Amino acid sequence: MKLQIMQIWTVQAAKAHFSELLRASITQAVQMITIHGKETAVLIPIAEWQRLQQK
């Protein structure tokens, strides 16, 4: 199952709006963080992480 990216954040925006980023990952979907336009990290809800760990 492929995870759908809901929103892409620059590292600067992620740092400045971390609470919003965290909330969005819980209520919406996977949030991606980029550095200099390069996909670098994703933030996912803990339930999704646990599901992925069971595979």
C-alpha atoms as a PDB file:
ATOM      1  CA  MET A   1       0.000   0.000   0.000  1.00  0.00           C
ATOM      2  CA  LYS A   2       1.446   3.340  -1.058  1.00  0.00           C
ATOM      3  CA  LEU A   3       1.173   6.259   1.378  1.00  0.00           C
ATOM      4  CA  GLN A   4      -0.345   9.423  -0.025  1.00  0.00           C
ATOM      5  CA  ILE A   5       1.526  12.663   0.634  1.00  0.00           C
ATOM      6  CA  MET A   6      -0.938  15.343   1.766  1.00  0.00           C
ATOM      7  CA  GLN A   7       1.360  18.366   1.957  1.00  0.00           C
ATOM      8  CA  ILE A   8       4.996  19.246   1.297  1.00  0.00           C
ATOM      9  CA  TRP A   9       6.796  21.543   3.745  1.00  0.00           C
ATOM     10  CA  THR A  10      10.168  23.237   3.425  1.00  0.00           C
ATOM     11  CA  VAL A  11      12.379  22.675   6.451  1.00  0.00           C
ATOM     12  CA  GLN A  12      12.024  26.375   7.306  1.00  0.00           C
ATOM     13  CA  ALA A  13       8.206  26.151   7.272  1.00  0.00           C
ATOM     14  CA  ALA A  14       8.284  22.900   9.246  1.00  0.00           C
ATOM     15  CA  LYS A  15      10.430  24.524  11.951  1.00  0.00           C
ATOM     16  CA  ALA A  16       8.320  27.671  12.084  1.00  0.00           C
ATOM     17  CA  HIS A  17       4.987  25.801  12.164  1.00  0.00           C
ATOM     18  CA  PHE A  18       5.850  22.517  13.867  1.00  0.00           C
ATOM     19  CA  SER A  19       2.590  22.291  15.832  1.00  0.00           C
ATOM     20  CA  GLU A  20       0.606  22.746  12.621  1.00  0.00           C
ATOM     21  CA  LEU A  21       2.784  20.161  10.840  1.00  0.00           C
ATOM     22  CA  LEU A  22       2.255  17.664  13.658  1.00  0.00           C
ATOM     23  CA  ARG A  23      -1.507  18.275  13.723  1.00  0.00           C
ATOM     24  CA  ALA A  24      -1.714  17.863   9.936  1.00  0.00           C
ATOM     25  CA  SER A  25       0.109  14.533  10.093  1.00  0.00           C
ATOM     26  CA  ILE A  26      -2.431  13.265  12.622  1.00  0.00           C
ATOM     27  CA  THR A  27      -5.617  14.642  11.072  1.00  0.00           C
ATOM     28  CA  GLN A  28      -4.858  14.642   7.347  1.00  0.00           C
ATOM     29  CA  ALA A  29      -2.150  12.351   6.037  1.00  0.00           C
ATOM     30  CA  VAL A  30       1.576  11.956   5.566  1.00  0.00           C
ATOM     31  CA  GLN A  31       3.505  15.240   5.556  1.00  0.00           C
ATOM     32  CA  MET A  32       6.747  15.533   3.591  1.00  0.00           C
ATOM     33  CA  ILE A  33       9.645  17.826   4.500  1.00  0.00           C
ATOM     34  CA  THR A  34      12.155  19.060   1.936  1.00  0.00           C
ATOM     35  CA  ILE A  35      15.573  20.702   2.196  1.00  0.00           C
ATOM     36  CA  HIS A  36      16.593  22.820  -0.787  1.00  0.00           C
ATOM     37  CA  GLY A  37      13.769  21.201  -2.774  1.00  0.00           C
ATOM     38  CA  LYS A  38      14.986  17.653  -2.076  1.00  0.00           C
ATOM     39  CA  GLU A  39      12.555  15.209  -0.445  1.00  0.00           C
ATOM     40  CA  THR A  40      14.194  14.512   2.905  1.00  0.00           C
ATOM     41  CA  ALA A  41      11.745  13.212   5.520  1.00  0.00           C
ATOM     42  CA  VAL A  42       8.114  12.362   6.193  1.00  0.00           C
ATOM     43  CA  LEU A  43       5.977  12.678   9.302  1.00  0.00           C
ATOM     44  CA  ILE A  44       3.292  10.031   9.772  1.00  0.00           C
ATOM     45  CA  PRO A  45       0.836   9.216  12.575  1.00  0.00           C
ATOM     46  CA  ILE A  46       2.041   6.632  15.111  1.00  0.00           C
ATOM     47  CA  ALA A  47      -0.721   4.196  14.107  1.00  0.00           C
ATOM     48  CA  GLU A  48       0.576   4.191  10.534  1.00  0.00           C
ATOM     49  CA  TRP A  49       4.150   3.667  11.766  1.00  0.00           C
ATOM     50  CA  GLN A  50       3.047   0.726  13.901  1.00  0.00           C
ATOM     51  CA  ARG A  51       1.149  -0.787  10.963  1.00  0.00           C
ATOM     52  CA  LEU A  52       4.243  -0.521   8.767  1.00  0.00           C
ATOM     53  CA  GLN A  53       6.407  -2.135  11.462  1.00  0.00           C
ATOM     54  CA  GLN A  54       4.191  -5.228  11.485  1.00  0.00           C
ATOM     55  CA  LYS A  55       4.945  -6.058   7.846  1.00  0.00           C
END
